[in-house]
Amino acid sequence: MDGQEIIDTVRFISQFHRARGSDEYKLLLERLKELLLSWGIEERQIETIEYSTGGVRYGNFDSTMVWNVKDAELWLEKPRTFLSSFKNCKTSVLFGSHSTNGWRTLELVDETYTGDLRDKAVLVQMNPSKAFKQFVEERGAKCLLVYFMRAQDESIGRTPAQMPDTVNYLSLPHTLKASQHKSFGFSLTYRQYELLKSLTNKNFKVRLFVDASLNVGTLQVLRVRFEGALKKRIGIVAHLCHPNPGANDNASGSALALHLCRELKQKTLGFGVDVILLPEFYGSLPYASQNNDYEFVINLDMVGEDQQKTGSTMMLHETPPLLNTIYDELLYDSMMLFAPTSSDSFSRRFYRSTFKSGSDHSVFENYAVPSPFLGQWPDRYYHTNEDTPDKCDPEMFEWVGKAVLRTVELAPSLPDYIVEQALGRVRSFLKKIVGKPGSDIIESVVKRAHGEKIEPVEPKLHIFPAAEGPLGYEWFDKAGELSEKREIVNLGEVIQLAARYTQDYDATVTFASTYLNVDAKTTQDVIDLLLKNEFLRRIN
């Protein structure tokens, strides 16, 4: 595979502002189909699947409205000073902003202001979802001016002080219900935030407009199908959504998946392969609910980083052993085989890790599909306007591409040493839980997932997820002090998986706490919270 050619495709994809279901997203799909056809992929192999969005709930996720944005500008009124515009920076407009229906001039206030917010621009430094709840839903504000940087990490230069002119990609809630508030806003640089903060509550005003629309509609999944000699199929998944530029997140995974199509066309396959480009979560949820017969799925999300520029490390996040982990072992072996080297040592950072939430593999795993996840983390430019193609490394694409192809080719006839290594890791995990509550149930589930013909062990205190798919993020608003705990988001998702496959309270506590090396008390507290708020249910 030619890594530079893949970067060229990243450049092409990153031109598009890829809001789920938007006109620009659909135009990109048309152009990608043209590209695939030019490579000799037959039209009958390419399918666009549509799902409803806006006013529809998929599992624990309320689907979002289709957002089309044409233009927006933000100025300080006096002295008249340009701050930002959509034409200048696509991440400057909060995703999901409603149209202002022309220019608006609003007084600039901050979160300490106690008066009526309906005709104010509220300056905040917090997660926009929390700001929406606090100032839009509860106090009637329409306009939010936000500075918020996720995943700050001084060691890679990712803090407000180290990136004062970066514009973060941020979203307003824009479900059907949330869109009724007709809110809008802008994402600021830290330097702009500091300027405006000095002017709040002093009768200064901003002048702005947003030209956008929010509508019920459809979102699209692009699937490219390759037949194999056997009935079983493998999925290769990458999410295509996110704003311009979104090069590593995730034009990189999408571009690599497309170029894998080019390679798969030339091969005689044992298992069939589906290459699937979709909107993250909101596309994978309805898709996986109808297409969950894959032998396994490989998720490609943020695979292209130039590690010197981004501070990233390539990670293979494993499938939890509640499902078959043998294909994870094959993918790891392939990654090690093709790892870039220099002077007889690895020239790129690479680690293997337990399950991590936050991407589409977690959807498929909740439908009993093993789903190893390849991606890089952390990333200095994650969810910012500086996530551009010059931060990609061609050697990364070649490395991952070769590893995925080898995994696909060897999967129908697994080497004995791969099976032995995978089962050895499973035995090691089972030794950790010996004598703990629910260990007999866990042992039964894990061994059955790895092919042993044994009888299931009946749960003693039945619990089960209330919805299909992953746990999601709504529960986090109710977590209180638990939200500050280590591994809390990953813990929630592993609890969801453990409850789904063991269906037992004690087994869920033991599996999740042991697998993630989190104390059992914290795990119990999260489970009890999920039961109280009906994300999990007791079964009589």
Protein backbone atom coordinates (compact mmCIF):
# COMPACT_ATOMS: atom_id res chain seq x y z
CA MET A 1 0.00 0.00 0.00
CA ASP A 2 1.17 3.51 -0.81
CA GLY A 3 0.90 5.69 2.30
CA GLN A 4 1.32 8.91 0.36
CA GLU A 5 -1.64 8.05 -1.87
CA ILE A 6 -3.73 7.44 1.24
CA ILE A 7 -2.74 10.87 2.58
CA ASP A 8 -3.92 12.35 -0.72
CA THR A 9 -7.30 10.76 -0.06
CA VAL A 10 -7.22 12.17 3.48
CA ARG A 11 -6.70 15.60 1.92
CA PHE A 12 -9.72 15.08 -0.32
CA ILE A 13 -12.03 13.90 2.49
CA SER A 14 -10.90 16.60 4.91
CA GLN A 15 -12.12 19.32 2.53
CA PHE A 16 -15.70 18.38 3.39
CA HIS A 17 -17.63 19.56 6.45
CA ARG A 18 -18.98 16.13 7.34
CA ALA A 19 -22.02 16.75 9.55
CA ARG A 20 -24.14 13.60 9.74
CA GLY A 21 -26.72 13.48 6.95
CA SER A 22 -25.85 16.96 5.67
CA ASP A 23 -25.76 17.95 2.01
CA GLU A 24 -21.97 18.06 2.14
CA TYR A 25 -21.77 14.60 3.73
CA LYS A 26 -23.99 13.17 0.98
CA LEU A 27 -21.93 14.91 -1.72
CA LEU A 28 -18.78 13.36 -0.27
CA LEU A 29 -20.37 9.89 -0.45
CA GLU A 30 -21.13 10.45 -4.13
CA ARG A 31 -17.54 11.46 -4.79
CA LEU A 32 -16.18 8.47 -2.86
CA LYS A 33 -18.40 6.15 -4.88
CA GLU A 34 -16.94 7.68 -8.06
CA LEU A 35 -13.44 7.02 -6.69
CA LEU A 36 -14.24 3.40 -5.91
CA LEU A 37 -15.70 2.87 -9.40
CA SER A 38 -12.56 4.38 -10.94
CA TRP A 39 -10.52 1.74 -9.08
CA GLY A 40 -12.53 -1.04 -10.70
CA ILE A 41 -14.91 -1.77 -7.84
CA GLU A 42 -18.20 -2.82 -9.41
CA GLU A 43 -21.30 -0.76 -8.80
CA ARG A 44 -23.20 -3.80 -7.48
CA GLN A 45 -20.64 -4.01 -4.65
CA ILE A 46 -21.34 -0.47 -3.43
CA GLU A 47 -24.42 0.27 -1.38
CA THR A 48 -25.70 3.35 0.46
CA ILE A 49 -27.97 2.45 3.38
CA GLU A 50 -30.13 5.17 4.95
CA TYR A 51 -31.49 5.47 8.48
CA SER A 52 -33.87 8.00 9.98
CA THR A 53 -32.42 10.69 12.22
CA GLY A 54 -34.00 13.41 14.34
CA GLY A 55 -36.80 12.32 16.67
CA VAL A 56 -35.61 8.69 16.63
CA ARG A 57 -33.88 6.93 19.52
CA TYR A 58 -31.28 4.22 18.93
CA GLY A 59 -30.51 2.40 22.17
CA ASN A 60 -29.27 4.99 24.68
CA PHE A 61 -28.71 7.62 21.98
CA ASP A 62 -31.23 10.23 20.84
CA SER A 63 -30.47 10.81 17.18
CA THR A 64 -29.53 14.30 16.09
CA MET A 65 -31.16 16.58 13.54
CA VAL A 66 -29.55 16.96 10.12
CA TRP A 67 -27.51 20.16 10.31
CA ASN A 68 -26.61 22.18 7.24
CA VAL A 69 -24.60 25.36 7.78
CA LYS A 70 -23.88 27.89 5.06
CA ASP A 71 -22.14 30.77 6.81
CA ALA A 72 -21.63 32.55 10.13
CA GLU A 73 -19.67 35.50 11.52
CA LEU A 74 -18.81 36.81 14.97
CA TRP A 75 -17.65 40.38 15.68
CA LEU A 76 -17.03 42.52 18.72
CA GLU A 77 -19.36 45.47 18.15
CA LYS A 78 -17.32 48.34 19.64
CA PRO A 79 -14.53 48.72 18.85
CA ARG A 80 -15.61 46.76 15.73
CA THR A 81 -13.27 43.76 15.75
CA PHE A 82 -13.50 40.58 13.69
CA LEU A 83 -13.43 37.43 15.80
CA SER A 84 -14.30 34.49 13.58
CA SER A 85 -16.37 33.15 10.69
CA PHE A 86 -17.43 29.82 9.27
CA LYS A 87 -15.67 30.61 6.00
CA ASN A 88 -12.44 31.24 7.85
CA CYS A 89 -12.68 28.30 10.26
CA LYS A 90 -15.27 25.53 10.04
CA THR A 91 -14.95 24.58 13.72
CA SER A 92 -15.74 28.13 14.85
CA VAL A 93 -19.50 27.52 14.74
CA LEU A 94 -20.89 25.24 17.43
CA PHE A 95 -22.14 22.09 15.69
CA GLY A 96 -25.92 22.07 15.72
CA SER A 97 -26.35 25.85 15.94
CA HIS A 98 -29.75 27.15 14.89
CA SER A 99 -30.07 29.97 12.39
CA THR A 100 -30.23 33.50 13.82
CA ASN A 101 -32.36 34.66 10.87
CA GLY A 102 -30.07 37.58 10.18
CA TRP A 103 -27.66 39.73 12.17
CA ARG A 104 -28.07 39.90 15.95
CA THR A 105 -26.45 42.33 18.37
CA LEU A 106 -26.25 40.92 21.89
CA GLU A 107 -24.83 42.14 25.18
CA LEU A 108 -21.82 40.15 26.36
CA VAL A 109 -22.19 38.53 29.81
CA ASP A 110 -20.62 35.59 31.64
CA GLU A 111 -21.91 32.81 33.91
CA THR A 112 -22.03 35.15 36.95
CA TYR A 113 -24.70 37.36 35.33
CA THR A 114 -28.02 36.97 37.17
CA GLY A 115 -30.42 38.80 34.84
CA ASP A 116 -32.49 37.75 31.82
CA LEU A 117 -30.29 35.87 29.30
CA ARG A 118 -32.66 35.81 26.33
CA ASP A 119 -30.98 38.73 24.56
CA LYS A 120 -27.46 38.08 25.84
CA ALA A 121 -24.39 36.30 24.52
CA VAL A 122 -23.19 34.12 27.42
CA LEU A 123 -19.44 33.56 27.60
CA VAL A 124 -18.45 30.26 29.26
CA GLN A 125 -15.46 28.00 29.72
CA MET A 126 -17.10 24.61 30.09
CA ASN A 127 -18.41 21.64 28.18
CA PRO A 128 -21.08 23.07 25.84
CA SER A 129 -23.53 20.30 26.74
CA LYS A 130 -23.39 21.40 30.38
CA ALA A 131 -23.59 25.05 29.35
CA PHE A 132 -26.65 24.23 27.23
CA LYS A 133 -28.42 22.62 30.18
CA GLN A 134 -27.45 25.37 32.63
CA PHE A 135 -28.00 28.47 30.50
CA VAL A 136 -30.25 27.47 27.60
CA GLU A 137 -32.63 24.93 29.11
CA GLU A 138 -32.78 26.37 32.62
CA ARG A 139 -32.41 30.11 31.97
CA GLY A 140 -33.59 30.73 28.42
CA ALA A 141 -30.31 31.84 26.79
CA LYS A 142 -30.04 31.57 23.01
CA CYS A 143 -26.38 32.39 22.38
CA LEU A 144 -23.32 30.66 23.89
CA LEU A 145 -19.71 31.73 23.25
CA VAL A 146 -17.61 28.81 24.41
CA TYR A 147 -14.02 27.96 25.14
CA PHE A 148 -13.51 24.32 26.07
CA MET A 149 -10.58 21.99 25.36
CA ARG A 150 -11.11 18.29 25.97
CA ALA A 151 -8.36 15.88 26.98
CA GLN A 152 -5.80 18.49 28.04
CA ASP A 153 -2.28 17.08 28.29
CA GLU A 154 0.69 19.31 29.03
CA SER A 155 3.15 16.57 28.08
CA ILE A 156 2.12 16.80 24.40
CA GLY A 157 1.56 20.57 24.37
CA ARG A 158 -2.23 20.34 24.57
CA THR A 159 -3.34 23.05 27.02
CA PRO A 160 -5.02 26.41 26.48
CA ALA A 161 -1.79 28.29 27.22
CA GLN A 162 0.17 26.10 24.79
CA MET A 163 -2.45 26.38 22.02
CA PRO A 164 -3.92 29.89 22.46
CA ASP A 165 -5.10 30.29 18.85
CA THR A 166 -6.64 26.86 18.34
CA VAL A 167 -10.38 26.52 17.72
CA ASN A 168 -11.90 23.41 19.29
CA TYR A 169 -14.60 21.35 17.58
CA LEU A 170 -17.61 21.62 19.92
CA SER A 171 -21.30 20.80 19.62
CA LEU A 172 -24.59 21.99 21.03
CA PRO A 173 -27.17 19.29 21.74
CA HIS A 174 -29.29 19.12 18.59
CA THR A 175 -31.75 16.33 19.04
CA LEU A 176 -35.33 17.07 17.99
CA LYS A 177 -36.16 18.16 21.54
CA ALA A 178 -33.01 20.24 22.05
CA SER A 179 -33.44 21.99 18.70
CA GLN A 180 -36.71 23.52 19.90
CA HIS A 181 -34.64 25.96 21.96
CA LYS A 182 -33.21 27.46 18.74
CA SER A 183 -29.84 28.08 20.36
CA PHE A 184 -26.65 28.97 18.54
CA GLY A 185 -23.08 29.85 19.30
CA PHE A 186 -19.39 29.94 18.51
CA SER A 187 -16.25 28.10 19.62
CA LEU A 188 -13.54 30.58 20.59
CA THR A 189 -9.78 30.42 20.78
CA TYR A 190 -8.33 30.76 24.25
CA ARG A 191 -6.93 34.17 23.28
CA GLN A 192 -10.40 35.32 22.17
CA TYR A 193 -11.95 33.94 25.34
CA GLU A 194 -9.50 35.90 27.50
CA LEU A 195 -10.24 39.09 25.54
CA LEU A 196 -14.00 38.71 25.82
CA LYS A 197 -13.78 37.69 29.47
CA SER A 198 -12.26 41.07 30.26
CA LEU A 199 -15.29 42.75 28.65
CA THR A 200 -18.18 40.75 30.12
CA ASN A 201 -20.88 42.41 32.23
CA LYS A 202 -19.63 45.86 31.15
CA ASN A 203 -22.23 46.66 28.44
CA PHE A 204 -19.99 45.48 25.59
CA LYS A 205 -21.81 43.80 22.72
CA VAL A 206 -21.10 41.23 20.03
CA ARG A 207 -22.57 41.26 16.53
CA LEU A 208 -23.16 37.91 14.85
CA PHE A 209 -25.20 35.78 12.50
CA VAL A 210 -25.56 32.07 11.76
CA ASP A 211 -27.08 30.83 8.52
CA ALA A 212 -27.97 27.20 9.16
CA SER A 213 -30.84 24.74 9.22
CA LEU A 214 -31.85 21.81 11.43
CA ASN A 215 -34.24 19.22 10.02
CA VAL A 216 -35.49 15.70 10.53
CA GLY A 217 -33.90 13.59 7.82
CA THR A 218 -31.71 10.59 7.10
CA LEU A 219 -28.09 9.65 7.58
CA GLN A 220 -26.11 7.44 5.28
CA VAL A 221 -23.88 4.38 5.64
CA LEU A 222 -21.62 3.45 2.71
CA ARG A 223 -20.89 -0.27 2.42
CA VAL A 224 -18.53 -1.93 -0.06
CA ARG A 225 -18.96 -5.70 -0.20
CA PHE A 226 -16.38 -8.32 -1.22
CA GLU A 227 -17.47 -11.94 -1.47
CA GLY A 228 -15.42 -14.83 -0.09
CA ALA A 229 -15.41 -18.58 -0.56
CA LEU A 230 -17.00 -19.08 2.89
CA LYS A 231 -20.26 -17.76 4.34
CA LYS A 232 -18.65 -15.92 7.26
CA ARG A 233 -17.95 -12.21 6.90
CA ILE A 234 -15.56 -9.66 8.43
CA GLY A 235 -16.35 -5.96 8.86
CA ILE A 236 -13.84 -3.11 8.50
CA VAL A 237 -15.44 0.00 10.00
CA ALA A 238 -14.42 3.68 10.00
CA HIS A 239 -16.52 6.70 10.89
CA LEU A 240 -16.63 9.32 8.17
CA CYS A 241 -18.33 12.14 10.08
CA HIS A 242 -16.76 15.21 11.81
CA PRO A 243 -16.09 18.76 10.69
CA ASN A 244 -13.56 20.05 8.22
CA PRO A 245 -10.69 19.34 8.52
CA GLY A 246 -10.87 16.28 10.83
CA ALA A 247 -7.89 14.70 9.09
CA ASN A 248 -6.76 12.17 11.68
CA ASP A 249 -10.23 12.06 13.26
CA ASN A 250 -11.29 10.37 11.11
CA ALA A 251 -10.51 11.04 7.49
CA SER A 252 -7.49 8.83 8.25
CA GLY A 253 -9.50 5.72 9.09
CA SER A 254 -11.93 6.34 6.25
CA ALA A 255 -9.16 6.87 3.69
CA LEU A 256 -7.35 3.71 4.79
CA ALA A 257 -10.61 1.73 4.62
CA LEU A 258 -11.17 2.97 1.06
CA HIS A 259 -7.68 1.97 -0.02
CA LEU A 260 -8.18 -1.43 1.58
CA CYS A 261 -11.05 -1.83 -0.91
CA ARG A 262 -8.53 -1.35 -3.68
CA GLU A 263 -6.37 -4.13 -2.23
CA LEU A 264 -9.26 -6.49 -1.44
CA LYS A 265 -10.40 -6.29 -5.05
CA GLN A 266 -7.17 -8.05 -6.07
CA LYS A 267 -7.43 -10.90 -3.54
CA THR A 268 -9.12 -14.28 -3.38
CA LEU A 269 -10.82 -14.20 0.01
CA GLY A 270 -11.86 -16.94 2.41
CA PHE A 271 -14.23 -14.87 4.56
CA GLY A 272 -16.23 -12.17 2.81
CA VAL A 273 -15.39 -8.59 3.79
CA ASP A 274 -17.61 -5.53 4.19
CA VAL A 275 -15.89 -2.14 4.30
CA ILE A 276 -18.27 0.23 6.09
CA LEU A 277 -18.05 4.03 6.33
CA LEU A 278 -20.63 5.51 8.66
CA PRO A 279 -21.54 8.31 11.06
CA GLU A 280 -20.03 7.52 14.45
CA PHE A 281 -22.54 5.85 16.83
CA TYR A 282 -25.61 7.30 15.10
CA GLY A 283 -24.87 5.26 11.99
CA SER A 284 -23.29 2.21 13.62
CA LEU A 285 -26.19 1.72 16.07
CA PRO A 286 -28.95 1.15 13.50
CA TYR A 287 -26.52 -0.61 11.18
CA ALA A 288 -25.26 -3.08 13.80
CA SER A 289 -28.79 -3.79 15.02
CA GLN A 290 -29.52 -5.18 11.54
CA ASN A 291 -26.06 -6.48 10.60
CA ASN A 292 -24.54 -8.34 13.54
CA ASP A 293 -23.59 -11.66 11.99
CA TYR A 294 -19.94 -10.69 11.39
CA GLU A 295 -17.25 -13.08 12.58
CA PHE A 296 -15.45 -9.95 13.81
CA VAL A 297 -15.12 -6.25 13.01
CA ILE A 298 -11.96 -4.13 12.93
CA ASN A 299 -12.56 -0.50 13.87
CA LEU A 300 -10.18 2.07 12.33
CA ASP A 301 -10.41 5.41 14.15
CA MET A 302 -7.51 7.91 14.19
CA VAL A 303 -4.90 5.63 12.64
CA GLY A 304 -2.76 8.09 10.63
CA GLU A 305 -1.02 10.32 13.19
CA ASP A 306 2.53 11.51 12.74
CA GLN A 307 3.60 10.68 16.28
CA GLN A 308 6.36 13.29 16.40
CA LYS A 309 3.86 16.06 15.64
CA THR A 310 0.84 14.84 17.58
CA GLY A 311 2.42 13.11 20.59
CA SER A 312 0.30 10.04 19.81
CA THR A 313 0.78 6.33 20.39
CA MET A 314 -0.78 3.60 18.25
CA MET A 315 -3.04 1.44 20.40
CA LEU A 316 -4.75 -1.89 19.85
CA HIS A 317 -7.72 -1.86 22.22
CA GLU A 318 -8.86 -5.42 22.77
CA THR A 319 -12.24 -7.06 22.75
CA PRO A 320 -13.14 -8.01 26.36
CA PRO A 321 -12.91 -11.80 26.80
CA LEU A 322 -16.68 -12.04 27.23
CA LEU A 323 -16.46 -12.37 23.43
CA ASN A 324 -14.00 -14.29 21.26
CA THR A 325 -10.57 -12.63 21.44
CA ILE A 326 -8.68 -14.88 19.02
CA TYR A 327 -8.92 -12.40 16.16
CA ASP A 328 -7.51 -9.68 18.41
CA GLU A 329 -4.48 -11.91 18.84
CA LEU A 330 -4.12 -12.32 15.08
CA LEU A 331 -4.37 -8.55 14.54
CA TYR A 332 -1.78 -7.90 17.27
CA ASP A 333 0.56 -10.45 15.72
CA SER A 334 0.14 -8.77 12.35
CA MET A 335 0.81 -5.33 13.80
CA MET A 336 4.01 -6.59 15.40
CA LEU A 337 5.09 -8.32 12.20
CA PHE A 338 4.85 -5.14 10.11
CA ALA A 339 5.85 -2.60 12.79
CA PRO A 340 8.19 0.07 11.34
CA THR A 341 11.78 -0.33 12.49
CA SER A 342 14.94 1.73 12.56
CA SER A 343 18.37 0.41 13.64
CA ASP A 344 16.81 -2.89 14.76
CA SER A 345 14.22 -1.28 17.04
CA PHE A 346 10.68 0.00 16.61
CA SER A 347 10.48 3.50 15.17
CA ARG A 348 6.84 4.08 16.15
CA ARG A 349 5.14 3.75 19.54
CA PHE A 350 2.67 0.88 19.83
CA TYR A 351 0.86 -0.63 22.80
CA ARG A 352 -1.83 -3.19 23.43
CA SER A 353 -4.54 -2.21 25.87
CA THR A 354 -7.80 -3.35 27.41
CA PHE A 355 -11.13 -2.17 26.03
CA LYS A 356 -11.55 1.57 25.52
CA SER A 357 -14.90 3.22 24.87
CA GLY A 358 -15.61 6.11 22.54
CA SER A 359 -15.92 4.63 19.07
CA ASP A 360 -17.97 2.24 16.95
CA HIS A 361 -16.37 -1.01 18.14
CA SER A 362 -18.34 -0.62 21.37
CA VAL A 363 -21.55 -0.75 19.34
CA PHE A 364 -20.72 -4.01 17.58
CA GLU A 365 -19.47 -5.60 20.82
CA ASN A 366 -22.91 -4.99 22.34
CA TYR A 367 -24.31 -7.07 19.48
CA ALA A 368 -21.92 -9.96 20.28
CA VAL A 369 -19.44 -9.11 17.50
CA PRO A 370 -15.75 -9.16 18.57
CA SER A 371 -14.34 -5.78 17.56
CA PRO A 372 -10.67 -4.92 18.06
CA PHE A 373 -10.03 -1.18 17.77
CA LEU A 374 -6.94 0.38 16.21
CA GLY A 375 -6.41 4.06 16.91
CA GLN A 376 -3.91 6.59 18.24
CA TRP A 377 -4.08 8.49 21.51
CA PRO A 378 -3.49 11.09 22.79
CA ASP A 379 -3.39 13.62 19.96
CA ARG A 380 -2.36 17.24 20.41
CA TYR A 381 -4.73 18.35 17.64
CA TYR A 382 -7.72 16.14 18.47
CA HIS A 383 -11.07 17.85 17.78
CA THR A 384 -9.52 21.13 16.64
CA ASN A 385 -9.14 23.16 13.46
CA GLU A 386 -5.49 22.08 13.42
CA ASP A 387 -6.26 18.40 12.79
CA THR A 388 -4.98 18.74 9.23
CA PRO A 389 -3.45 16.26 6.73
CA ASP A 390 0.10 17.49 7.36
CA LYS A 391 -0.21 15.76 10.79
CA CYS A 392 -0.47 12.35 9.05
CA ASP A 393 2.37 9.88 8.54
CA PRO A 394 2.35 7.75 5.35
CA GLU A 395 4.21 4.93 7.09
CA MET A 396 1.37 4.59 9.60
CA PHE A 397 -1.11 3.87 6.82
CA GLU A 398 1.16 1.27 5.24
CA TRP A 399 1.76 -0.43 8.60
CA VAL A 400 -1.90 -0.63 9.63
CA GLY A 401 -3.06 -1.48 6.12
CA LYS A 402 -0.69 -4.45 5.83
CA ALA A 403 -1.67 -5.69 9.28
CA VAL A 404 -5.40 -5.52 8.53
CA LEU A 405 -4.97 -7.32 5.20
CA ARG A 406 -2.93 -10.12 6.80
CA THR A 407 -5.57 -10.48 9.51
CA VAL A 408 -8.34 -10.74 6.92
CA GLU A 409 -6.41 -13.31 4.87
CA LEU A 410 -5.41 -15.58 7.79
CA ALA A 411 -8.69 -15.38 9.72
CA PRO A 412 -10.37 -18.36 7.97
CA SER A 413 -7.49 -20.67 8.90
CA LEU A 414 -5.95 -19.42 12.12
CA PRO A 415 -2.35 -20.42 12.86
CA ASP A 416 -2.14 -22.75 15.88
CA TYR A 417 0.25 -20.42 17.73
CA ILE A 418 -2.28 -17.58 17.50
CA VAL A 419 -5.00 -19.74 19.04
CA GLU A 420 -2.64 -20.88 21.80
CA GLN A 421 -1.55 -17.32 22.61
CA ALA A 422 -5.16 -16.11 22.76
CA LEU A 423 -6.30 -18.98 24.96
CA GLY A 424 -3.27 -18.45 27.20
CA ARG A 425 -4.35 -14.87 27.82
CA VAL A 426 -7.87 -16.07 28.56
CA ARG A 427 -6.58 -18.62 31.10
CA SER A 428 -4.50 -15.92 32.76
CA PHE A 429 -7.55 -13.69 33.15
CA LEU A 430 -9.66 -16.50 34.57
CA LYS A 431 -6.99 -17.18 37.20
CA LYS A 432 -7.41 -13.60 38.44
CA ILE A 433 -11.07 -14.13 39.29
CA VAL A 434 -10.83 -17.51 41.04
CA GLY A 435 -12.88 -17.48 44.23
CA LYS A 436 -14.48 -14.10 43.58
CA PRO A 437 -18.28 -13.66 43.55
CA GLY A 438 -19.81 -14.72 40.24
CA SER A 439 -16.56 -16.24 38.95
CA ASP A 440 -18.31 -19.46 37.90
CA ILE A 441 -20.68 -17.47 35.66
CA ILE A 442 -17.83 -15.46 34.15
CA GLU A 443 -15.80 -18.62 33.51
CA SER A 444 -18.74 -20.20 31.72
CA VAL A 445 -19.37 -17.14 29.52
CA VAL A 446 -15.69 -16.67 28.64
CA LYS A 447 -15.06 -20.32 27.83
CA ARG A 448 -18.20 -20.57 25.70
CA ALA A 449 -17.15 -17.43 23.82
CA HIS A 450 -13.87 -19.17 22.99
CA GLY A 451 -15.44 -22.34 21.67
CA GLU A 452 -15.78 -24.67 24.64
CA LYS A 453 -18.95 -26.79 24.60
CA ILE A 454 -20.08 -26.39 28.21
CA GLU A 455 -23.40 -25.67 29.86
CA PRO A 456 -24.10 -22.05 30.86
CA VAL A 457 -24.25 -21.23 34.57
CA GLU A 458 -27.50 -19.64 35.65
CA PRO A 459 -27.29 -16.06 37.01
CA LYS A 460 -28.21 -15.65 40.66
CA LEU A 461 -29.15 -11.95 40.83
CA HIS A 462 -30.31 -11.13 37.32
CA ILE A 463 -29.47 -7.75 35.79
CA PHE A 464 -29.51 -6.73 32.14
CA PRO A 465 -29.06 -3.53 30.09
CA ALA A 466 -32.29 -1.65 29.53
CA ALA A 467 -31.41 -0.76 25.92
CA GLU A 468 -29.59 -2.24 22.98
CA GLY A 469 -26.11 -0.98 22.17
CA PRO A 470 -23.52 0.73 24.37
CA LEU A 471 -24.25 2.64 27.55
CA GLY A 472 -23.52 6.01 25.95
CA TYR A 473 -23.14 9.27 27.84
CA GLU A 474 -26.54 10.29 29.23
CA TRP A 475 -25.85 8.41 32.46
CA PHE A 476 -22.77 10.50 33.06
CA ASP A 477 -24.89 13.57 33.88
CA LYS A 478 -26.21 11.65 36.88
CA ALA A 479 -22.84 10.31 38.05
CA GLY A 480 -22.01 13.13 40.49
CA GLU A 481 -18.72 12.50 42.30
CA LEU A 482 -18.34 9.19 40.47
CA SER A 483 -17.62 11.16 37.31
CA GLU A 484 -14.21 12.04 38.76
CA LYS A 485 -13.17 8.41 39.22
CA ARG A 486 -10.40 6.83 37.17
CA GLU A 487 -11.54 4.90 34.07
CA ILE A 488 -15.16 5.88 34.79
CA VAL A 489 -16.37 6.08 31.15
CA ASN A 490 -14.66 2.82 30.20
CA LEU A 491 -15.96 1.25 33.42
CA GLY A 492 -19.53 2.14 32.50
CA GLU A 493 -19.19 0.51 29.09
CA VAL A 494 -17.54 -2.65 30.46
CA ILE A 495 -20.34 -2.92 33.04
CA GLN A 496 -22.83 -2.70 30.17
CA LEU A 497 -21.07 -5.55 28.36
CA ALA A 498 -20.68 -7.68 31.49
CA ALA A 499 -24.34 -7.24 32.43
CA ARG A 500 -25.36 -8.14 28.89
CA TYR A 501 -23.37 -11.38 28.72
CA THR A 502 -23.27 -12.62 32.34
CA GLN A 503 -26.70 -11.22 33.33
CA ASP A 504 -25.59 -11.37 36.96
CA TYR A 505 -24.87 -8.61 39.47
CA ASP A 506 -21.90 -10.22 41.23
CA ALA A 507 -20.38 -11.47 38.00
CA THR A 508 -20.64 -7.97 36.53
CA VAL A 509 -18.88 -6.46 39.55
CA THR A 510 -16.11 -9.05 39.45
CA PHE A 511 -15.57 -8.96 35.70
CA ALA A 512 -15.53 -5.17 35.31
CA SER A 513 -13.37 -4.46 38.38
CA THR A 514 -10.86 -7.21 37.56
CA TYR A 515 -10.63 -6.53 33.84
CA LEU A 516 -10.07 -2.78 34.27
CA ASN A 517 -8.22 -3.05 37.59
CA VAL A 518 -10.77 -0.80 39.30
CA ASP A 519 -11.82 -1.33 42.91
CA ALA A 520 -14.97 -3.38 43.42
CA LYS A 521 -16.67 -0.68 45.55
CA THR A 522 -16.49 1.89 42.74
CA THR A 523 -17.80 -0.72 40.32
CA GLN A 524 -20.73 -1.53 42.63
CA ASP A 525 -21.49 2.17 43.04
CA VAL A 526 -21.67 2.62 39.25
CA ILE A 527 -23.88 -0.46 38.83
CA ASP A 528 -26.22 0.74 41.58
CA LEU A 529 -26.40 4.17 39.92
CA LEU A 530 -27.24 2.57 36.57
CA LEU A 531 -29.92 0.42 38.21
CA LYS A 532 -31.40 3.42 40.02
CA ASN A 533 -31.61 5.40 36.78
CA GLU A 534 -32.88 2.40 34.79
CA PHE A 535 -29.92 2.05 32.44
CA LEU A 536 -29.71 -1.46 33.91
CA ARG A 537 -32.71 -3.46 35.07
CA ARG A 538 -33.20 -6.26 37.56
CA ILE A 539 -34.85 -9.35 36.09
CA ASN A 540 -37.05 -11.53 38.28
